[in-house]
Amino acid sequence: MKRASELWVQMFPDEHNAELLIDGLINLLDQPEFSENVEKMKRLMKTVEEKAKLIRLLDQCMLEDGLTVLIGEENPDEDLEGFSLIAQNYRMGEEKLGTLAVFGPKRMDYQKMIGIVNSTADNVSEFLTNK
């Protein structure tokens, strides 16, 4: 809960200035599909630098109710086709405020990551609602 609150403050210093927080990108280099494929890693780095692609993707997730899972070619941007995204919106009451997401290789442990994303988004929502 404390970590979720800290992330919230980092992501949204005030209600009108939302930012995209990216953390753990270096961990992708430990995955063989990225460490052995320099071009794939370059595309990912370019996408992260541009941020607009990720923001558009997360904006699309905000329009959804419930969990969003995009695997490989299901990603709308061809630069993201080698990756998967698991996202869940968090709320204050009934109002959607943002999206918490895990972005990683297609062969990630989906069951584990879905559990983490769901429980973290639920905890953030509960914290915000009871604040």
Protein backbone atom coordinates (compact mmCIF):
# COMPACT_ATOMS: atom_id res chain seq x y z
CA MET A 1 0.00 0.00 0.00
CA LYS A 2 2.81 2.38 0.92
CA ARG A 3 4.64 1.65 -2.35
CA ALA A 4 1.42 2.21 -4.34
CA SER A 5 0.97 5.56 -2.62
CA GLU A 6 4.58 6.55 -3.38
CA LEU A 7 4.10 5.58 -7.04
CA TRP A 8 0.89 7.59 -7.18
CA VAL A 9 2.67 10.73 -5.94
CA GLN A 10 5.50 10.19 -8.44
CA MET A 11 3.10 9.62 -11.32
CA PHE A 12 0.66 12.41 -10.48
CA PRO A 13 2.33 15.28 -8.59
CA ASP A 14 -0.89 17.21 -9.13
CA GLU A 15 -4.17 16.18 -10.72
CA HIS A 16 -3.54 18.11 -13.95
CA ASN A 17 -0.01 16.95 -14.72
CA ALA A 18 -0.04 13.18 -15.27
CA GLU A 19 3.18 11.48 -16.28
CA LEU A 20 4.18 8.07 -17.50
CA LEU A 21 6.37 6.20 -15.02
CA ILE A 22 8.59 3.51 -16.53
CA ASP A 23 10.68 1.29 -14.29
CA GLY A 24 12.63 -1.95 -14.71
CA LEU A 25 13.37 -1.64 -18.42
CA ILE A 26 16.93 -2.85 -17.87
CA ASN A 27 15.53 -6.22 -16.68
CA LEU A 28 14.45 -6.99 -20.24
CA LEU A 29 18.12 -7.32 -21.16
CA ASP A 30 18.24 -10.45 -19.00
CA GLN A 31 15.69 -12.13 -21.28
CA PRO A 32 17.23 -14.13 -24.16
CA GLU A 33 14.80 -12.82 -26.77
CA PHE A 34 16.12 -9.31 -26.13
CA SER A 35 19.77 -9.90 -25.27
CA GLU A 36 20.18 -12.00 -28.44
CA ASN A 37 18.18 -9.71 -30.71
CA VAL A 38 19.64 -6.22 -30.78
CA GLU A 39 17.10 -4.95 -33.33
CA LYS A 40 14.17 -5.96 -31.13
CA MET A 41 15.73 -4.17 -28.17
CA LYS A 42 16.41 -1.06 -30.28
CA ARG A 43 12.72 -0.94 -31.31
CA LEU A 44 11.67 -1.20 -27.68
CA MET A 45 14.08 1.54 -26.59
CA LYS A 46 12.84 3.80 -29.39
CA THR A 47 9.23 3.18 -28.34
CA VAL A 48 10.01 3.98 -24.71
CA GLU A 49 11.88 7.14 -25.69
CA GLU A 50 8.92 8.32 -27.75
CA LYS A 51 6.52 7.53 -24.85
CA ALA A 52 3.60 8.67 -27.02
CA LYS A 53 3.10 5.11 -28.30
CA LEU A 54 2.92 3.73 -24.78
CA ILE A 55 0.62 6.54 -23.66
CA ARG A 56 -1.74 5.82 -26.59
CA LEU A 57 -1.71 2.14 -25.69
CA LEU A 58 -2.47 2.88 -22.03
CA ASP A 59 -5.18 5.35 -23.07
CA GLN A 60 -6.83 2.51 -25.02
CA CYS A 61 -6.65 0.36 -21.88
CA MET A 62 -8.39 3.16 -19.93
CA LEU A 63 -11.39 2.78 -22.23
CA GLU A 64 -11.75 -0.88 -21.23
CA ASP A 65 -13.49 -2.22 -18.16
CA GLY A 66 -11.55 -4.90 -16.37
CA LEU A 67 -8.25 -6.46 -17.27
CA THR A 68 -6.54 -5.87 -20.62
CA VAL A 69 -4.10 -8.49 -21.91
CA LEU A 70 -2.33 -7.92 -25.24
CA ILE A 71 0.02 -10.64 -26.42
CA GLY A 72 2.49 -10.05 -29.23
CA GLU A 73 0.71 -9.28 -32.48
CA GLU A 74 -2.40 -8.13 -30.56
CA ASN A 75 -0.48 -4.92 -29.80
CA PRO A 76 -1.66 -2.19 -32.16
CA ASP A 77 1.85 -0.91 -32.90
CA GLU A 78 4.18 -3.14 -34.92
CA ASP A 79 7.17 -2.06 -32.79
CA LEU A 80 5.43 -3.69 -29.80
CA GLU A 81 4.56 -7.00 -31.46
CA GLY A 82 7.35 -8.87 -29.66
CA PHE A 83 5.97 -7.88 -26.27
CA SER A 84 2.96 -8.40 -24.05
CA LEU A 85 1.02 -5.99 -21.89
CA ILE A 86 -1.16 -6.70 -18.87
CA ALA A 87 -3.10 -3.65 -17.66
CA GLN A 88 -5.81 -2.83 -15.15
CA ASN A 89 -7.40 0.53 -14.41
CA TYR A 90 -7.47 1.97 -10.93
CA ARG A 91 -10.26 4.16 -9.65
CA MET A 92 -11.43 6.53 -6.99
CA GLY A 93 -14.95 5.36 -6.41
CA GLU A 94 -16.42 4.91 -9.88
CA GLU A 95 -14.05 7.33 -11.64
CA LYS A 96 -11.16 5.81 -13.60
CA LEU A 97 -7.96 7.68 -12.77
CA GLY A 98 -5.23 5.71 -14.49
CA THR A 99 -3.87 2.40 -15.63
CA LEU A 100 -1.32 0.18 -13.97
CA ALA A 101 0.47 -2.08 -16.45
CA VAL A 102 3.24 -4.64 -16.81
CA PHE A 103 5.01 -4.69 -20.14
CA GLY A 104 7.35 -7.53 -20.96
CA PRO A 105 8.28 -10.51 -23.12
CA LYS A 106 5.58 -12.69 -24.70
CA ARG A 107 6.70 -15.64 -22.60
CA MET A 108 6.08 -13.95 -19.24
CA ASP A 109 4.31 -15.79 -16.41
CA TYR A 110 0.80 -14.50 -17.22
CA GLN A 111 -0.93 -16.05 -14.21
CA LYS A 112 1.53 -14.44 -11.79
CA MET A 113 1.61 -11.05 -13.56
CA ILE A 114 -2.19 -10.89 -13.85
CA GLY A 115 -2.45 -11.53 -10.11
CA ILE A 116 0.09 -8.81 -9.33
CA VAL A 117 -1.52 -6.24 -11.65
CA ASN A 118 -5.04 -6.95 -10.38
CA SER A 119 -4.15 -6.87 -6.69
CA THR A 120 -2.02 -3.73 -7.04
CA ALA A 121 -4.71 -1.87 -9.00
CA ASP A 122 -7.31 -2.96 -6.41
CA ASN A 123 -5.06 -1.76 -3.57
CA VAL A 124 -4.49 1.61 -5.25
CA SER A 125 -8.24 1.98 -5.87
CA GLU A 126 -9.04 1.11 -2.27
CA PHE A 127 -6.41 3.53 -0.99
CA LEU A 128 -7.71 6.37 -3.17
CA THR A 129 -11.34 5.70 -2.32
CA ASN A 130 -10.68 5.64 1.43
CA LYS A 131 -8.24 8.57 1.42
